[in-house]
PDB file of N, CA and C in Angstrom:
ATOM      1  N   GLY A   1     -38.787  -0.959   1.929  1.00  0.00           N
ATOM      2  CA  GLY A   1     -39.739  -0.250   2.820  1.00  0.00           C
ATOM      3  C   GLY A   1     -40.042   0.061   1.835  1.00  0.00           C
ATOM      4  N   TRP A   2     -41.743   0.882   2.641  1.00  0.00           N
ATOM      5  CA  TRP A   2     -42.514   1.668   2.011  1.00  0.00           C
ATOM      6  C   TRP A   2     -42.803   2.907   2.063  1.00  0.00           C
ATOM      7  N   THR A   3     -42.787   3.609   1.830  1.00  0.00           N
ATOM      8  CA  THR A   3     -43.057   5.168   1.404  1.00  0.00           C
ATOM      9  C   THR A   3     -44.437   6.033   0.720  1.00  0.00           C
ATOM     10  N   VAL A   4     -44.686   7.270   0.596  1.00  0.00           N
ATOM     11  CA  VAL A   4     -45.752   7.769  -0.131  1.00  0.00           C
ATOM     12  C   VAL A   4     -44.476   8.487  -0.941  1.00  0.00           C
ATOM     13  N   VAL A   5     -45.059   8.460  -2.413  1.00  0.00           N
ATOM     14  CA  VAL A   5     -44.484   9.445  -3.551  1.00  0.00           C
ATOM     15  C   VAL A   5     -45.455  10.409  -3.435  1.00  0.00           C
ATOM     16  N   LEU A   6     -44.657  11.909  -3.414  1.00  0.00           N
ATOM     17  CA  LEU A   6     -45.450  12.691  -3.898  1.00  0.00           C
ATOM     18  C   LEU A   6     -44.936  13.128  -5.318  1.00  0.00           C
ATOM     19  N   ALA A   7     -43.994  12.904  -5.928  1.00  0.00           N
ATOM     20  CA  ALA A   7     -43.529  13.854  -7.491  1.00  0.00           C
ATOM     21  C   ALA A   7     -42.476  13.040  -7.727  1.00  0.00           C
ATOM     22  N   SER A   8     -42.501  12.566  -8.996  1.00  0.00           N
ATOM     23  CA  SER A   8     -40.810  11.868  -9.780  1.00  0.00           C
ATOM     24  C   SER A   8     -40.962  13.010 -10.958  1.00  0.00           C
ATOM     25  N   LEU A   9     -40.024  13.667 -10.531  1.00  0.00           N
ATOM     26  CA  LEU A   9     -39.461  14.715 -11.588  1.00  0.00           C
ATOM     27  C   LEU A   9     -38.156  13.996 -12.886  1.00  0.00           C
ATOM     28  N   PRO A  10     -38.319  13.777 -13.642  1.00  0.00           N
ATOM     29  CA  PRO A  10     -36.982  13.790 -14.792  1.00  0.00           C
ATOM     30  C   PRO A  10     -35.659  14.359 -14.030  1.00  0.00           C
ATOM     31  N   GLN A  11     -34.883  13.447 -14.163  1.00  0.00           N
ATOM     32  CA  GLN A  11     -33.440  14.384 -13.712  1.00  0.00           C
ATOM     33  C   GLN A  11     -32.517  15.322 -14.528  1.00  0.00           C
ATOM     34  N   THR A  12     -33.248  15.102 -15.647  1.00  0.00           N
ATOM     35  CA  THR A  12     -32.831  15.759 -17.242  1.00  0.00           C
ATOM     36  C   THR A  12     -32.883  17.283 -16.399  1.00  0.00           C
ATOM     37  N   GLY A  13     -34.181  17.567 -15.984  1.00  0.00           N
ATOM     38  CA  GLY A  13     -34.408  18.667 -15.389  1.00  0.00           C
ATOM     39  C   GLY A  13     -33.879  19.786 -14.319  1.00  0.00           C
ATOM     40  N   GLY A  14     -32.764  18.927 -13.883  1.00  0.00           N
ATOM     41  CA  GLY A  14     -31.961  19.188 -12.618  1.00  0.00           C
ATOM     42  C   GLY A  14     -32.959  18.990 -11.142  1.00  0.00           C
ATOM     43  N   ARG A  15     -32.054  19.302 -10.325  1.00  0.00           N
ATOM     44  CA  ARG A  15     -32.376  18.215  -8.797  1.00  0.00           C
ATOM     45  C   ARG A  15     -33.382  19.576  -7.772  1.00  0.00           C
ATOM     46  N   GLN A  16     -32.816  20.758  -8.612  1.00  0.00           N
ATOM     47  CA  GLN A  16     -33.211  22.111  -7.880  1.00  0.00           C
ATOM     48  C   GLN A  16     -34.958  21.914  -7.772  1.00  0.00           C
ATOM     49  N   ALA A  17     -35.682  21.222  -9.135  1.00  0.00           N
ATOM     50  CA  ALA A  17     -36.842  21.913  -8.874  1.00  0.00           C
ATOM     51  C   ALA A  17     -37.096  20.324  -7.796  1.00  0.00           C
ATOM     52  N   ALA A  18     -36.407  19.567  -7.833  1.00  0.00           N
ATOM     53  CA  ALA A  18     -37.002  18.424  -6.986  1.00  0.00           C
ATOM     54  C   ALA A  18     -37.244  18.542  -5.318  1.00  0.00           C
ATOM     55  N   GLU A  19     -35.869  19.604  -5.297  1.00  0.00           N
ATOM     56  CA  GLU A  19     -35.451  20.541  -4.009  1.00  0.00           C
ATOM     57  C   GLU A  19     -36.479  21.192  -3.679  1.00  0.00           C
ATOM     58  N   ARG A  20     -37.512  21.993  -4.710  1.00  0.00           N
ATOM     59  CA  ARG A  20     -37.958  22.928  -4.325  1.00  0.00           C
ATOM     60  C   ARG A  20     -39.689  22.249  -3.924  1.00  0.00           C
ATOM     61  N   ARG A  21     -39.873  21.184  -4.545  1.00  0.00           N
ATOM     62  CA  ARG A  21     -40.908  20.474  -4.153  1.00  0.00           C
ATOM     63  C   ARG A  21     -40.963  19.917  -2.938  1.00  0.00           C
ATOM     64  N   ALA A  22     -40.026  18.987  -2.616  1.00  0.00           N
ATOM     65  CA  ALA A  22     -39.718  18.706  -1.254  1.00  0.00           C
ATOM     66  C   ALA A  22     -40.118  19.825  -0.113  1.00  0.00           C
ATOM     67  N   ARG A  23     -39.305  20.884  -0.064  1.00  0.00           N
ATOM     68  CA  ARG A  23     -39.343  22.114   0.927  1.00  0.00           C
ATOM     69  C   ARG A  23     -40.779  22.696   0.795  1.00  0.00           C
ATOM     70  N   ASP A  24     -41.339  22.806  -0.348  1.00  0.00           N
ATOM     71  CA  ASP A  24     -42.539  22.909   0.101  1.00  0.00           C
ATOM     72  C   ASP A  24     -43.875  21.910   0.612  1.00  0.00           C
ATOM     73  N   ALA A  25     -43.712  20.935   0.555  1.00  0.00           N
ATOM     74  CA  ALA A  25     -44.007  19.928   1.358  1.00  0.00           C
ATOM     75  C   ALA A  25     -44.133  19.926   2.733  1.00  0.00           C
ATOM     76  N   ARG A  26     -42.426  20.098   3.100  1.00  0.00           N
ATOM     77  CA  ARG A  26     -42.353  20.638   4.263  1.00  0.00           C
ATOM     78  C   ARG A  26     -42.856  21.742   5.016  1.00  0.00           C
ATOM     79  N   ARG A  27     -43.213  22.808   4.051  1.00  0.00           N
ATOM     80  CA  ARG A  27     -44.000  23.763   4.666  1.00  0.00           C
ATOM     81  C   ARG A  27     -45.353  23.413   4.404  1.00  0.00           C
ATOM     82  N   SER A  28     -45.688  22.815   3.945  1.00  0.00           N
ATOM     83  CA  SER A  28     -47.093  22.305   3.782  1.00  0.00           C
ATOM     84  C   SER A  28     -47.678  21.657   5.203  1.00  0.00           C
ATOM     85  N   GLY A  29     -46.653  21.054   6.305  1.00  0.00           N
ATOM     86  CA  GLY A  29     -46.601  20.115   7.214  1.00  0.00           C
ATOM     87  C   GLY A  29     -46.236  18.791   7.233  1.00  0.00           C
ATOM     88  N   LEU A  30     -45.709  18.188   6.174  1.00  0.00           N
ATOM     89  CA  LEU A  30     -45.341  17.020   6.028  1.00  0.00           C
ATOM     90  C   LEU A  30     -44.332  16.771   6.723  1.00  0.00           C
ATOM     91  N   THR A  31     -43.731  15.473   6.826  1.00  0.00           N
ATOM     92  CA  THR A  31     -42.667  15.490   7.497  1.00  0.00           C
ATOM     93  C   THR A  31     -41.800  14.046   7.247  1.00  0.00           C
ATOM     94  N   ALA A  32     -41.111  14.150   7.211  1.00  0.00           N
ATOM     95  CA  ALA A  32     -39.885  12.579   6.829  1.00  0.00           C
ATOM     96  C   ALA A  32     -39.567  12.783   5.187  1.00  0.00           C
ATOM     97  N   VAL A  33     -40.081  14.406   5.052  1.00  0.00           N
ATOM     98  CA  VAL A  33     -39.769  14.608   3.369  1.00  0.00           C
ATOM     99  C   VAL A  33     -38.454  14.555   3.029  1.00  0.00           C
ATOM    100  N   GLY A  34     -38.315  13.943   1.523  1.00  0.00           N
ATOM    101  CA  GLY A  34     -37.042  13.877   1.096  1.00  0.00           C
ATOM    102  C   GLY A  34     -36.933  13.065  -0.484  1.00  0.00           C
ATOM    103  N   ILE A  35     -35.555  13.166  -0.851  1.00  0.00           N
ATOM    104  CA  ILE A  35     -35.207  13.027  -2.488  1.00  0.00           C
ATOM    105  C   ILE A  35     -34.546  11.906  -2.277  1.00  0.00           C
ATOM    106  N   LEU A  36     -35.032  11.060  -3.486  1.00  0.00           N
ATOM    107  CA  LEU A  36     -34.460   9.386  -3.928  1.00  0.00           C
ATOM    108  C   LEU A  36     -33.736   9.952  -5.189  1.00  0.00           C
ATOM    109  N   ASP A  37     -32.610   9.384  -5.912  1.00  0.00           N
ATOM    110  CA  ASP A  37     -32.506   9.257  -7.347  1.00  0.00           C
ATOM    111  C   ASP A  37     -32.836   7.553  -7.240  1.00  0.00           C
ATOM    112  N   SER A  38     -33.733   7.921  -8.291  1.00  0.00           N
ATOM    113  CA  SER A  38     -34.526   6.356  -8.614  1.00  0.00           C
ATOM    114  C   SER A  38     -33.654   5.572  -9.292  1.00  0.00           C
ATOM    115  N   SER A  39     -32.545   5.835  -9.660  1.00  0.00           N
ATOM    116  CA  SER A  39     -31.658   4.600 -10.564  1.00  0.00           C
ATOM    117  C   SER A  39     -31.077   3.554  -9.344  1.00  0.00           C
ATOM    118  N   GLN A  40     -30.786   4.275  -8.019  1.00  0.00           N
ATOM    119  CA  GLN A  40     -30.217   3.762  -6.979  1.00  0.00           C
ATOM    120  C   GLN A  40     -31.055   2.339  -6.505  1.00  0.00           C
ATOM    121  N   TYR A  41     -32.621   2.520  -6.721  1.00  0.00           N
ATOM    122  CA  TYR A  41     -33.508   1.548  -6.338  1.00  0.00           C
ATOM    123  C   TYR A  41     -34.249   0.671  -7.430  1.00  0.00           C
ATOM    124  N   ALA A  42     -34.011  -0.386  -6.643  1.00  0.00           N
ATOM    125  CA  ALA A  42     -34.372  -1.584  -8.003  1.00  0.00           C
ATOM    126  C   ALA A  42     -35.874  -1.428  -8.298  1.00  0.00           C
ATOM    127  N   SER A  43     -36.883  -0.880  -7.449  1.00  0.00           N
ATOM    128  CA  SER A  43     -37.935  -0.904  -7.756  1.00  0.00           C
ATOM    129  C   SER A  43     -38.791   0.737  -8.036  1.00  0.00           C
ATOM    130  N   LEU A  44     -38.412   1.540  -8.552  1.00  0.00           N
ATOM    131  CA  LEU A  44     -38.102   2.796  -9.188  1.00  0.00           C
ATOM    132  C   LEU A  44     -37.527   2.488 -10.526  1.00  0.00           C
ATOM    133  N   HIS A  45     -38.318   3.615 -11.748  1.00  0.00           N
ATOM    134  CA  HIS A  45     -38.275   3.750 -12.446  1.00  0.00           C
ATOM    135  C   HIS A  45     -36.870   4.387 -12.617  1.00  0.00           C
ATOM    136  N   PRO A  46     -35.589   4.143 -13.141  1.00  0.00           N
ATOM    137  CA  PRO A  46     -34.670   5.181 -13.758  1.00  0.00           C
ATOM    138  C   PRO A  46     -34.670   6.463 -14.038  1.00  0.00           C
ATOM    139  N   GLY A  47     -33.879   7.589 -13.488  1.00  0.00           N
ATOM    140  CA  GLY A  47     -33.867   8.667 -13.904  1.00  0.00           C
ATOM    141  C   GLY A  47     -34.625   9.855 -13.534  1.00  0.00           C
ATOM    142  N   TYR A  48     -35.097   9.619 -12.339  1.00  0.00           N
ATOM    143  CA  TYR A  48     -35.769  10.531 -11.888  1.00  0.00           C
ATOM    144  C   TYR A  48     -35.243  10.793 -10.326  1.00  0.00           C
ATOM    145  N   TRP A  49     -36.277  12.108 -10.093  1.00  0.00           N
ATOM    146  CA  TRP A  49     -35.525  12.663  -8.941  1.00  0.00           C
ATOM    147  C   TRP A  49     -36.884  12.394  -8.160  1.00  0.00           C
ATOM    148  N   VAL A  50     -37.162  11.062  -7.160  1.00  0.00           N
ATOM    149  CA  VAL A  50     -38.552  11.177  -6.394  1.00  0.00           C
ATOM    150  C   VAL A  50     -38.290  11.782  -5.705  1.00  0.00           C
ATOM    151  N   VAL A  51     -40.262  12.567  -5.074  1.00  0.00           N
ATOM    152  CA  VAL A  51     -39.791  13.301  -3.602  1.00  0.00           C
ATOM    153  C   VAL A  51     -40.794  12.383  -2.438  1.00  0.00           C
ATOM    154  N   PHE A  52     -40.529  12.004  -2.149  1.00  0.00           N
ATOM    155  CA  PHE A  52     -41.422  11.376  -0.485  1.00  0.00           C
ATOM    156  C   PHE A  52     -41.865  11.619   0.366  1.00  0.00           C
ATOM    157  N   THR A  53     -42.579  10.978   1.472  1.00  0.00           N
ATOM    158  CA  THR A  53     -42.616  11.561   2.754  1.00  0.00           C
ATOM    159  C   THR A  53     -42.842  10.489   3.326  1.00  0.00           C
ATOM    160  N   GLY A  54     -42.467   9.951   4.561  1.00  0.00           N
ATOM    161  CA  GLY A  54     -42.337   8.990   5.579  1.00  0.00           C
ATOM    162  C   GLY A  54     -41.501   7.627   4.470  1.00  0.00           C
ATOM    163  N   VAL A  55     -40.763   6.947   6.156  1.00  0.00           N
ATOM    164  CA  VAL A  55     -40.311   5.741   5.890  1.00  0.00           C
ATOM    165  C   VAL A  55     -41.638   5.065   6.713  1.00  0.00           C
ATOM    166  N   TYR A  56     -41.953   3.946   5.801  1.00  0.00           N
ATOM    167  CA  TYR A  56     -43.084   2.877   6.784  1.00  0.00           C
ATOM    168  C   TYR A  56     -42.241   1.570   6.598  1.00  0.00           C
ATOM    169  N   GLY A  57     -42.796   0.654   7.132  1.00  0.00           N
ATOM    170  CA  GLY A  57     -42.352  -0.734   7.318  1.00  0.00           C
ATOM    171  C   GLY A  57     -43.266  -1.918   6.797  1.00  0.00           C
ATOM    172  N   SER A  58     -44.750  -1.011   6.523  1.00  0.00           N
ATOM    173  CA  SER A  58     -45.593  -1.860   5.421  1.00  0.00           C
ATOM    174  C   SER A  58     -46.373  -1.206   4.883  1.00  0.00           C
ATOM    175  N   GLU A  59     -47.349  -1.658   3.818  1.00  0.00           N
ATOM    176  CA  GLU A  59     -47.722  -1.120   2.812  1.00  0.00           C
ATOM    177  C   GLU A  59     -49.123  -0.402   4.106  1.00  0.00           C
ATOM    178  N   ALA A  60     -49.310  -1.198   4.410  1.00  0.00           N
ATOM    179  CA  ALA A  60     -50.655  -0.722   5.377  1.00  0.00           C
ATOM    180  C   ALA A  60     -50.270   0.197   5.887  1.00  0.00           C
ATOM    181  N   GLU A  61     -49.099   0.606   6.627  1.00  0.00           N
ATOM    182  CA  GLU A  61     -48.747   2.221   7.482  1.00  0.00           C
ATOM    183  C   GLU A  61     -48.418   3.488   6.140  1.00  0.00           C
ATOM    184  N   ALA A  62     -48.062   2.465   5.150  1.00  0.00           N
ATOM    185  CA  ALA A  62     -48.462   4.110   4.174  1.00  0.00           C
ATOM    186  C   ALA A  62     -49.659   4.221   3.817  1.00  0.00           C
ATOM    187  N   THR A  63     -50.259   3.491   3.374  1.00  0.00           N
ATOM    188  CA  THR A  63     -51.453   4.079   3.327  1.00  0.00           C
ATOM    189  C   THR A  63     -52.041   4.585   4.042  1.00  0.00           C
ATOM    190  N   SER A  64     -51.750   4.717   4.964  1.00  0.00           N
ATOM    191  CA  SER A  64     -52.663   5.482   6.088  1.00  0.00           C
ATOM    192  C   SER A  64     -52.221   6.785   6.073  1.00  0.00           C
ATOM    193  N   ALA A  65     -50.827   7.378   5.751  1.00  0.00           N
ATOM    194  CA  ALA A  65     -50.664   8.653   5.248  1.00  0.00           C
ATOM    195  C   ALA A  65     -50.482   9.238   4.349  1.00  0.00           C
ATOM    196  N   LEU A  66     -51.216   8.220   3.439  1.00  0.00           N
ATOM    197  CA  LEU A  66     -51.825   8.819   2.185  1.00  0.00           C
ATOM    198  C   LEU A  66     -52.396   9.804   1.695  1.00  0.00           C
ATOM    199  N   GLN A  67     -53.771   9.941   3.035  1.00  0.00           N
ATOM    200  CA  GLN A  67     -54.637  11.294   2.778  1.00  0.00           C
ATOM    201  C   GLN A  67     -54.213  12.520   2.608  1.00  0.00           C
ATOM    202  N   PRO A  68     -53.341  12.470   3.814  1.00  0.00           N
ATOM    203  CA  PRO A  68     -52.501  13.726   4.290  1.00  0.00           C
ATOM    204  C   PRO A  68     -51.876  14.428   2.590  1.00  0.00           C
ATOM    205  N   ALA A  69     -51.108  13.274   2.517  1.00  0.00           N
ATOM    206  CA  ALA A  69     -50.014  13.667   1.806  1.00  0.00           C
ATOM    207  C   ALA A  69     -51.117  14.242   0.193  1.00  0.00           C
ATOM    208  N   ARG A  70     -52.574  13.461  -0.323  1.00  0.00           N
ATOM    209  CA  ARG A  70     -53.188  13.757  -1.110  1.00  0.00           C
ATOM    210  C   ARG A  70     -53.560  15.234  -0.967  1.00  0.00           C
ATOM    211  N   ARG A  71     -53.495  16.226   0.068  1.00  0.00           N
ATOM    212  CA  ARG A  71     -53.832  17.031   0.466  1.00  0.00           C
ATOM    213  C   ARG A  71     -52.811  18.386  -0.739  1.00  0.00           C
ATOM    214  N   PHE A  72     -51.511  17.552  -0.544  1.00  0.00           N
ATOM    215  CA  PHE A  72     -50.103  18.529  -0.847  1.00  0.00           C
ATOM    216  C   PHE A  72     -50.172  17.862  -2.274  1.00  0.00           C
ATOM    217  N   ALA A  73     -50.447  16.506  -2.660  1.00  0.00           N
ATOM    218  CA  ALA A  73     -49.969  16.258  -4.320  1.00  0.00           C
ATOM    219  C   ALA A  73     -51.136  15.461  -4.068  1.00  0.00           C
ATOM    220  N   ARG A  74     -52.024  15.632  -5.501  1.00  0.00           N
ATOM    221  CA  ARG A  74     -53.489  15.058  -5.575  1.00  0.00           C
ATOM    222  C   ARG A  74     -52.753  13.498  -6.224  1.00  0.00           C
ATOM    223  N   THR A  75     -51.754  13.123  -6.987  1.00  0.00           N
ATOM    224  CA  THR A  75     -51.518  11.941  -7.206  1.00  0.00           C
ATOM    225  C   THR A  75     -50.851  10.816  -6.591  1.00  0.00           C
ATOM    226  N   ALA A  76     -50.325  11.682  -5.133  1.00  0.00           N
ATOM    227  CA  ALA A  76     -49.377  10.826  -4.689  1.00  0.00           C
ATOM    228  C   ALA A  76     -49.441   9.311  -4.109  1.00  0.00           C
ATOM    229  N   ALA A  77     -48.949   8.687  -4.110  1.00  0.00           N
ATOM    230  CA  ALA A  77     -49.702   7.242  -4.367  1.00  0.00           C
ATOM    231  C   ALA A  77     -48.008   6.136  -3.274  1.00  0.00           C
ATOM    232  N   VAL A  78     -48.708   5.525  -2.626  1.00  0.00           N
ATOM    233  CA  VAL A  78     -47.655   4.771  -1.830  1.00  0.00           C
ATOM    234  C   VAL A  78     -46.801   3.488  -2.893  1.00  0.00           C
ATOM    235  N   ARG A  79     -45.921   3.148  -2.633  1.00  0.00           N
ATOM    236  CA  ARG A  79     -44.600   2.738  -3.175  1.00  0.00           C
ATOM    237  C   ARG A  79     -44.003   1.838  -2.288  1.00  0.00           C
ATOM    238  N   ASN A  80     -43.558   0.935  -2.963  1.00  0.00           N
ATOM    239  CA  ASN A  80     -42.502  -0.324  -2.197  1.00  0.00           C
ATOM    240  C   ASN A  80     -40.817   0.719  -2.606  1.00  0.00           C
ATOM    241  N   VAL A  81     -40.217   0.342  -1.734  1.00  0.00           N
ATOM    242  CA  VAL A  81     -38.901   1.071  -2.111  1.00  0.00           C
ATOM    243  C   VAL A  81     -37.692  -0.337  -1.615  1.00  0.00           C
ATOM    244  N   VAL A  82     -37.127  -0.765  -2.704  1.00  0.00           N
ATOM    245  CA  VAL A  82     -36.075  -1.701  -2.526  1.00  0.00           C
ATOM    246  C   VAL A  82     -35.256  -1.584  -3.313  1.00  0.00           C
ATOM    247  N   PRO A  83     -33.849  -1.828  -2.471  1.00  0.00           N
ATOM    248  CA  PRO A  83     -32.286  -1.344  -3.278  1.00  0.00           C
ATOM    249  C   PRO A  83     -32.046  -2.143  -4.396  1.00  0.00           C
TER     250      PRO A  83
END
């Protein structure tokens, strides 16, 4: 599937920073916010906590959600997530 990545935080810094970022994203009005362990997904660089918003069936759907996400995280980006 596809998602919008809000932040990728090194796991060496602990999960708490990712949890704070996800909480802030929800408070800003974003929905379907979660955290992935990038080491569990072949399409992501290992060693990061990935804070994301939304789960989409296509790149076009994810791209349509990019603008609201960028109001929260200027560097938000669409990513394909493959197990």
